Every structure is written in C-alpha cells, then in structure tokens.
C-alpha cells in the first residue's frame, strides 16, 4: 500500500520495513494474487458488523480509470 498511496517505487520502500524491496514486492504480488487483501478486508468488515460498529452512511467507493489503447478491441 505504501507504493500505491505514496507514489514511490518499490526500490524506495523504507529500510524500516525490514526485508529488501524485492522481498516486499514479491510478497505483495503473491498476497495480491492469493486475494489476501480482499479476504482481510472482508474479515475486518465482518468483525465490525458483528460488533455493530459499521456506519454505512460514512462509506466511500473508489475506482480506477484506464485509458483505452488506440486500435484495441
């Protein structure tokens, strides 16, 4: 998330993260492929919902737009 939110490259990940930038990237890629982030998000939402601590009036929906390649199908 640091790279996505800060705009830095993987090679700029802080040394305080511990492992090298390549290890951080590899783990991020593996966990993304395994849908760890969406599963974790769901677990947090389920736990907050169980506790009655979700306030859906304060939710936000995010999206990403991609430019179409010229000549694409």
PDB file of N, CA and C in Angstrom:
ATOM      1  N   UNK A   1       0.815  -1.202   0.000  1.00  0.00           N
ATOM      2  CA  UNK A   1       0.000   0.000   0.000  1.00  0.00           C
ATOM      3  C   UNK A   1       0.853   1.257   0.000  1.00  0.00           C
ATOM      4  N   UNK A   2       2.014   1.214   0.605  1.00  0.00           N
ATOM      5  CA  UNK A   2       2.869   2.405   0.636  1.00  0.00           C
ATOM      6  C   UNK A   2       3.166   2.892  -0.773  1.00  0.00           C
ATOM      7  N   UNK A   3       3.497   1.972  -1.662  1.00  0.00           N
ATOM      8  CA  UNK A   3       3.834   2.350  -3.029  1.00  0.00           C
ATOM      9  C   UNK A   3       2.621   2.961  -3.725  1.00  0.00           C
ATOM     10  N   UNK A   4       1.460   2.336  -3.567  1.00  0.00           N
ATOM     11  CA  UNK A   4       0.249   2.825  -4.224  1.00  0.00           C
ATOM     12  C   UNK A   4      -0.185   4.181  -3.689  1.00  0.00           C
ATOM     13  N   UNK A   5      -0.057   4.393  -2.394  1.00  0.00           N
ATOM     14  CA  UNK A   5      -0.548   5.645  -1.816  1.00  0.00           C
ATOM     15  C   UNK A   5       0.482   6.763  -1.828  1.00  0.00           C
ATOM     16  N   UNK A   6       1.771   6.424  -1.831  1.00  0.00           N
ATOM     17  CA  UNK A   6       2.793   7.472  -1.778  1.00  0.00           C
ATOM     18  C   UNK A   6       3.348   7.821  -3.151  1.00  0.00           C
ATOM     19  N   UNK A   7       3.175   6.920  -4.107  1.00  0.00           N
ATOM     20  CA  UNK A   7       3.707   7.152  -5.434  1.00  0.00           C
ATOM     21  C   UNK A   7       5.178   6.795  -5.568  1.00  0.00           C
ATOM     22  N   UNK A   8       5.778   6.227  -4.518  1.00  0.00           N
ATOM     23  CA  UNK A   8       7.188   5.842  -4.600  1.00  0.00           C
ATOM     24  C   UNK A   8       7.313   4.539  -5.391  1.00  0.00           C
ATOM     25  N   UNK A   9       8.543   4.246  -5.802  1.00  0.00           N
ATOM     26  CA  UNK A   9       8.778   2.968  -6.484  1.00  0.00           C
ATOM     27  C   UNK A   9       9.087   1.906  -5.439  1.00  0.00           C
ATOM     28  N   UNK A  10       9.050   0.647  -5.849  1.00  0.00           N
ATOM     29  CA  UNK A  10       9.354  -0.438  -4.919  1.00  0.00           C
ATOM     30  C   UNK A  10      10.766  -0.283  -4.360  1.00  0.00           C
ATOM     31  N   UNK A  11      11.678   0.224  -5.160  1.00  0.00           N
ATOM     32  CA  UNK A  11      13.063   0.390  -4.716  1.00  0.00           C
ATOM     33  C   UNK A  11      13.203   1.470  -3.642  1.00  0.00           C
ATOM     34  N   UNK A  12      12.158   2.269  -3.447  1.00  0.00           N
ATOM     35  CA  UNK A  12      12.197   3.340  -2.448  1.00  0.00           C
ATOM     36  C   UNK A  12      11.505   2.953  -1.138  1.00  0.00           C
ATOM     37  N   UNK A  13      11.135   1.690  -0.985  1.00  0.00           N
ATOM     38  CA  UNK A  13      10.484   1.296   0.272  1.00  0.00           C
ATOM     39  C   UNK A  13      11.466   1.496   1.421  1.00  0.00           C
ATOM     40  N   UNK A  14      10.965   2.034   2.534  1.00  0.00           N
ATOM     41  CA  UNK A  14      11.845   2.352   3.671  1.00  0.00           C
ATOM     42  C   UNK A  14      12.542   1.121   4.236  1.00  0.00           C
ATOM     43  N   UNK A  15      13.768   1.305   4.686  1.00  0.00           N
ATOM     44  CA  UNK A  15      14.527   0.215   5.299  1.00  0.00           C
ATOM     45  C   UNK A  15      13.844  -0.284   6.569  1.00  0.00           C
ATOM     46  N   UNK A  16      13.014   0.563   7.192  1.00  0.00           N
ATOM     47  CA  UNK A  16      12.315   0.156   8.420  1.00  0.00           C
ATOM     48  C   UNK A  16      11.333  -0.982   8.164  1.00  0.00           C
ATOM     49  N   UNK A  17      11.029  -1.262   6.889  1.00  0.00           N
ATOM     50  CA  UNK A  17      10.154  -2.389   6.563  1.00  0.00           C
ATOM     51  C   UNK A  17      10.836  -3.714   6.871  1.00  0.00           C
ATOM     52  N   UNK A  18      12.156  -3.685   6.936  1.00  0.00           N
ATOM     53  CA  UNK A  18      12.903  -4.901   7.247  1.00  0.00           C
ATOM     54  C   UNK A  18      13.474  -5.560   6.018  1.00  0.00           C
ATOM     55  N   UNK A  19      12.672  -6.345   5.295  1.00  0.00           N
ATOM     56  CA  UNK A  19      13.224  -7.049   4.136  1.00  0.00           C
ATOM     57  C   UNK A  19      13.543  -6.097   2.985  1.00  0.00           C
ATOM     58  N   UNK A  20      14.268  -6.609   2.013  1.00  0.00           N
ATOM     59  CA  UNK A  20      14.630  -5.807   0.841  1.00  0.00           C
ATOM     60  C   UNK A  20      13.377  -5.443   0.034  1.00  0.00           C
ATOM     61  N   UNK A  21      13.534  -4.440  -0.835  1.00  0.00           N
ATOM     62  CA  UNK A  21      12.398  -4.008  -1.653  1.00  0.00           C
ATOM     63  C   UNK A  21      11.881  -5.148  -2.516  1.00  0.00           C
ATOM     64  N   UNK A  22      12.778  -6.013  -2.994  1.00  0.00           N
ATOM     65  CA  UNK A  22      12.337  -7.104  -3.870  1.00  0.00           C
ATOM     66  C   UNK A  22      11.502  -8.124  -3.088  1.00  0.00           C
ATOM     67  N   UNK A  23      11.852  -8.348  -1.834  1.00  0.00           N
ATOM     68  CA  UNK A  23      11.060  -9.255  -0.994  1.00  0.00           C
ATOM     69  C   UNK A  23       9.692  -8.643  -0.694  1.00  0.00           C
ATOM     70  N   UNK A  24       9.696  -7.349  -0.385  1.00  0.00           N
ATOM     71  CA  UNK A  24       8.422  -6.654  -0.121  1.00  0.00           C
ATOM     72  C   UNK A  24       7.530  -6.750  -1.352  1.00  0.00           C
ATOM     73  N   UNK A  25       8.089  -6.463  -2.542  1.00  0.00           N
ATOM     74  CA  UNK A  25       7.308  -6.544  -3.778  1.00  0.00           C
ATOM     75  C   UNK A  25       6.796  -7.960  -4.024  1.00  0.00           C
ATOM     76  N   UNK A  26       7.682  -8.957  -3.880  1.00  0.00           N
ATOM     77  CA  UNK A  26       7.286 -10.344  -4.143  1.00  0.00           C
ATOM     78  C   UNK A  26       6.143 -10.765  -3.226  1.00  0.00           C
ATOM     79  N   UNK A  27       6.250 -10.429  -1.947  1.00  0.00           N
ATOM     80  CA  UNK A  27       5.182 -10.791  -1.011  1.00  0.00           C
ATOM     81  C   UNK A  27       3.886 -10.066  -1.354  1.00  0.00           C
ATOM     82  N   UNK A  28       3.997  -8.770  -1.694  1.00  0.00           N
ATOM     83  CA  UNK A  28       2.802  -8.025  -2.082  1.00  0.00           C
ATOM     84  C   UNK A  28       2.138  -8.674  -3.295  1.00  0.00           C
ATOM     85  N   UNK A  29       2.934  -9.033  -4.297  1.00  0.00           N
ATOM     86  CA  UNK A  29       2.395  -9.657  -5.508  1.00  0.00           C
ATOM     87  C   UNK A  29       1.758 -11.009  -5.199  1.00  0.00           C
ATOM     88  N   UNK A  30       2.431 -11.820  -4.388  1.00  0.00           N
ATOM     89  CA  UNK A  30       1.887 -13.140  -4.025  1.00  0.00           C
ATOM     90  C   UNK A  30       0.587 -12.996  -3.241  1.00  0.00           C
ATOM     91  N   UNK A  31       0.586 -12.084  -2.276  1.00  0.00           N
ATOM     92  CA  UNK A  31      -0.611 -11.895  -1.447  1.00  0.00           C
ATOM     93  C   UNK A  31      -1.752 -11.304  -2.260  1.00  0.00           C
ATOM     94  N   UNK A  32      -1.430 -10.444  -3.226  1.00  0.00           N
ATOM     95  CA  UNK A  32      -2.476  -9.889  -4.094  1.00  0.00           C
ATOM     96  C   UNK A  32      -3.084 -10.997  -4.955  1.00  0.00           C
ATOM     97  N   UNK A  33      -2.231 -11.839  -5.531  1.00  0.00           N
ATOM     98  CA  UNK A  33      -2.711 -12.953  -6.357  1.00  0.00           C
ATOM     99  C   UNK A  33      -3.575 -13.906  -5.540  1.00  0.00           C
ATOM    100  N   UNK A  34      -3.223 -14.105  -4.277  1.00  0.00           N
ATOM    101  CA  UNK A  34      -3.980 -15.002  -3.392  1.00  0.00           C
ATOM    102  C   UNK A  34      -5.201 -14.305  -2.773  1.00  0.00           C
ATOM    103  N   UNK A  35      -5.426 -13.065  -3.151  1.00  0.00           N
ATOM    104  CA  UNK A  35      -6.565 -12.260  -2.671  1.00  0.00           C
ATOM    105  C   UNK A  35      -6.553 -12.066  -1.152  1.00  0.00           C
ATOM    106  N   UNK A  36      -5.343 -12.016  -0.579  1.00  0.00           N
ATOM    107  CA  UNK A  36      -5.203 -11.814   0.869  1.00  0.00           C
ATOM    108  C   UNK A  36      -5.833 -10.486   1.285  1.00  0.00           C
ATOM    109  N   UNK A  37      -5.611  -9.427   0.492  1.00  0.00           N
ATOM    110  CA  UNK A  37      -6.105  -8.099   0.873  1.00  0.00           C
ATOM    111  C   UNK A  37      -7.626  -8.065   0.916  1.00  0.00           C
ATOM    112  N   UNK A  38      -8.292  -8.640  -0.079  1.00  0.00           N
ATOM    113  CA  UNK A  38      -9.760  -8.630  -0.076  1.00  0.00           C
ATOM    114  C   UNK A  38     -10.315  -9.514   1.041  1.00  0.00           C
ATOM    115  N   UNK A  39      -9.634 -10.638   1.318  1.00  0.00           N
ATOM    116  CA  UNK A  39     -10.075 -11.513   2.411  1.00  0.00           C
ATOM    117  C   UNK A  39      -9.915 -10.814   3.754  1.00  0.00           C
ATOM    118  N   UNK A  40      -8.794 -10.126   3.937  1.00  0.00           N
ATOM    119  CA  UNK A  40      -8.558  -9.385   5.175  1.00  0.00           C
ATOM    120  C   UNK A  40      -9.593  -8.274   5.339  1.00  0.00           C
ATOM    121  N   UNK A  41      -9.864  -7.569   4.250  1.00  0.00           N
ATOM    122  CA  UNK A  41     -10.874  -6.502   4.283  1.00  0.00           C
ATOM    123  C   UNK A  41     -12.228  -7.060   4.699  1.00  0.00           C
ATOM    124  N   UNK A  42     -12.586  -8.188   4.126  1.00  0.00           N
ATOM    125  CA  UNK A  42     -13.864  -8.829   4.456  1.00  0.00           C
ATOM    126  C   UNK A  42     -13.917  -9.239   5.932  1.00  0.00           C
ATOM    127  N   UNK A  43     -12.818  -9.805   6.441  1.00  0.00           N
ATOM    128  CA  UNK A  43     -12.772 -10.192   7.850  1.00  0.00           C
ATOM    129  C   UNK A  43     -12.956  -8.996   8.775  1.00  0.00           C
ATOM    130  N   UNK A  44     -12.317  -7.882   8.429  1.00  0.00           N
ATOM    131  CA  UNK A  44     -12.457  -6.671   9.246  1.00  0.00           C
ATOM    132  C   UNK A  44     -13.898  -6.171   9.196  1.00  0.00           C
ATOM    133  N   UNK A  45     -14.491  -6.135   8.007  1.00  0.00           N
ATOM    134  CA  UNK A  45     -15.885  -5.692   7.890  1.00  0.00           C
ATOM    135  C   UNK A  45     -16.822  -6.613   8.660  1.00  0.00           C
ATOM    136  N   UNK A  46     -16.606  -7.920   8.561  1.00  0.00           N
ATOM    137  CA  UNK A  46     -17.449  -8.879   9.288  1.00  0.00           C
ATOM    138  C   UNK A  46     -17.348  -8.675  10.796  1.00  0.00           C
ATOM    139  N   UNK A  47     -16.131  -8.454  11.289  1.00  0.00           N
ATOM    140  CA  UNK A  47     -15.934  -8.249  12.725  1.00  0.00           C
ATOM    141  C   UNK A  47     -16.590  -6.945  13.189  1.00  0.00           C
ATOM    142  N   UNK A  48     -16.400  -5.890  12.431  1.00  0.00           N
ATOM    143  CA  UNK A  48     -17.039  -4.620  12.792  1.00  0.00           C
ATOM    144  C   UNK A  48     -18.559  -4.736  12.734  1.00  0.00           C
ATOM    145  N   UNK A  49     -19.071  -5.441  11.733  1.00  0.00           N
ATOM    146  CA  UNK A  49     -20.514  -5.653  11.620  1.00  0.00           C
ATOM    147  C   UNK A  49     -21.054  -6.447  12.787  1.00  0.00           C
ATOM    148  N   UNK A  50     -20.323  -7.478  13.190  1.00  0.00           N
ATOM    149  CA  UNK A  50     -20.742  -8.303  14.322  1.00  0.00           C
ATOM    150  C   UNK A  50     -20.827  -7.470  15.595  1.00  0.00           C
ATOM    151  N   UNK A  51     -19.917  -6.506  15.738  1.00  0.00           N
ATOM    152  CA  UNK A  51     -19.902  -5.647  16.916  1.00  0.00           C
ATOM    153  C   UNK A  51     -20.857  -4.454  16.798  1.00  0.00           C
ATOM    154  N   UNK A  52     -21.507  -4.327  15.639  1.00  0.00           N
ATOM    155  CA  UNK A  52     -22.408  -3.191  15.422  1.00  0.00           C
ATOM    156  C   UNK A  52     -21.664  -1.878  15.256  1.00  0.00           C
ATOM    157  N   UNK A  53     -20.429  -1.952  14.775  1.00  0.00           N
ATOM    158  CA  UNK A  53     -19.608  -0.753  14.656  1.00  0.00           C
ATOM    159  C   UNK A  53     -19.422  -0.277  13.209  1.00  0.00           C
ATOM    160  N   UNK A  54     -20.264  -0.755  12.307  1.00  0.00           N
ATOM    161  CA  UNK A  54     -20.198  -0.280  10.920  1.00  0.00           C
ATOM    162  C   UNK A  54     -21.187   0.861  10.730  1.00  0.00           C
ATOM    163  N   UNK A  55     -20.737   1.920  10.110  1.00  0.00           N
ATOM    164  CA  UNK A  55     -21.608   3.062   9.809  1.00  0.00           C
ATOM    165  C   UNK A  55     -21.597   3.252   8.298  1.00  0.00           C
ATOM    166  N   UNK A  56     -22.553   2.614   7.619  1.00  0.00           N
ATOM    167  CA  UNK A  56     -22.581   2.648   6.154  1.00  0.00           C
ATOM    168  C   UNK A  56     -22.897   4.028   5.606  1.00  0.00           C
ATOM    169  N   UNK A  57     -23.338   4.966   6.459  1.00  0.00           N
ATOM    170  CA  UNK A  57     -23.594   6.332   5.980  1.00  0.00           C
ATOM    171  C   UNK A  57     -22.275   7.063   5.736  1.00  0.00           C
ATOM    172  N   UNK A  58     -21.162   6.478   6.170  1.00  0.00           N
ATOM    173  CA  UNK A  58     -19.856   7.112   6.012  1.00  0.00           C
ATOM    174  C   UNK A  58     -18.928   6.258   5.139  1.00  0.00           C
ATOM    175  N   UNK A  59     -19.463   5.597   4.136  1.00  0.00           N
ATOM    176  CA  UNK A  59     -18.624   4.759   3.280  1.00  0.00           C
ATOM    177  C   UNK A  59     -18.222   5.522   2.022  1.00  0.00           C
ATOM    178  N   UNK A  60     -17.193   5.043   1.359  1.00  0.00           N
ATOM    179  CA  UNK A  60     -16.718   5.642   0.118  1.00  0.00           C
ATOM    180  C   UNK A  60     -16.452   4.532  -0.884  1.00  0.00           C
ATOM    181  N   UNK A  61     -16.697   4.819  -2.131  1.00  0.00           N
ATOM    182  CA  UNK A  61     -16.425   3.876  -3.209  1.00  0.00           C
ATOM    183  C   UNK A  61     -15.319   4.481  -4.055  1.00  0.00           C
ATOM    184  N   UNK A  62     -14.317   3.675  -4.340  1.00  0.00           N
ATOM    185  CA  UNK A  62     -13.166   4.143  -5.097  1.00  0.00           C
ATOM    186  C   UNK A  62     -13.131   3.416  -6.437  1.00  0.00           C
ATOM    187  N   UNK A  63     -12.547   4.058  -7.422  1.00  0.00           N
ATOM    188  CA  UNK A  63     -12.421   3.392  -8.720  1.00  0.00           C
ATOM    189  C   UNK A  63     -11.130   3.850  -9.385  1.00  0.00           C
ATOM    190  N   UNK A  64     -10.719   3.075 -10.369  1.00  0.00           N
ATOM    191  CA  UNK A  64      -9.543   3.429 -11.156  1.00  0.00           C
ATOM    192  C   UNK A  64      -9.984   3.458 -12.610  1.00  0.00           C
ATOM    193  N   UNK A  65      -9.571   4.463 -13.323  1.00  0.00           N
ATOM    194  CA  UNK A  65      -9.890   4.568 -14.744  1.00  0.00           C
ATOM    195  C   UNK A  65      -8.640   4.298 -15.545  1.00  0.00           C
ATOM    196  N   UNK A  66      -8.813   3.569 -16.639  1.00  0.00           N
ATOM    197  CA  UNK A  66      -7.683   3.280 -17.522  1.00  0.00           C
ATOM    198  C   UNK A  66      -8.013   3.784 -18.925  1.00  0.00           C
ATOM    199  N   UNK A  67      -7.050   4.413 -19.540  1.00  0.00           N
ATOM    200  CA  UNK A  67      -7.238   4.915 -20.892  1.00  0.00           C
ATOM    201  C   UNK A  67      -7.236   3.742 -21.871  1.00  0.00           C
ATOM    202  N   UNK A  68      -8.148   3.764 -22.822  1.00  0.00           N
ATOM    203  CA  UNK A  68      -8.212   2.721 -23.847  1.00  0.00           C
ATOM    204  C   UNK A  68      -7.065   2.895 -24.835  1.00  0.00           C
ATOM    205  N   UNK A  69      -6.453   1.792 -25.201  1.00  0.00           N
ATOM    206  CA  UNK A  69      -5.372   1.808 -26.180  1.00  0.00           C
ATOM    207  C   UNK A  69      -5.979   1.987 -27.561  1.00  0.00           C
ATOM    208  N   UNK A  70      -5.403   2.881 -28.348  1.00  0.00           N
ATOM    209  CA  UNK A  70      -5.915   3.098 -29.710  1.00  0.00           C
ATOM    210  C   UNK A  70      -5.778   1.831 -30.518  1.00  0.00           C
ATOM    211  N   UNK A  71      -6.825   1.491 -31.216  1.00  0.00           N
ATOM    212  CA  UNK A  71      -6.801   0.316 -32.063  1.00  0.00           C
ATOM    213  C   UNK A  71      -7.113  -0.974 -31.315  1.00  0.00           C
ATOM    214  N   UNK A  72      -7.415  -0.836 -30.011  1.00  0.00           N
ATOM    215  CA  UNK A  72      -7.746  -2.021 -29.221  1.00  0.00           C
ATOM    216  C   UNK A  72      -9.107  -2.571 -29.580  1.00  0.00           C
ATOM    217  N   UNK A  73      -9.386  -3.764 -29.157  1.00  0.00           N
ATOM    218  CA  UNK A  73     -10.675  -4.376 -29.484  1.00  0.00           C
ATOM    219  C   UNK A  73     -11.751  -3.924 -28.517  1.00  0.00           C
TER     220      UNK A  73
END
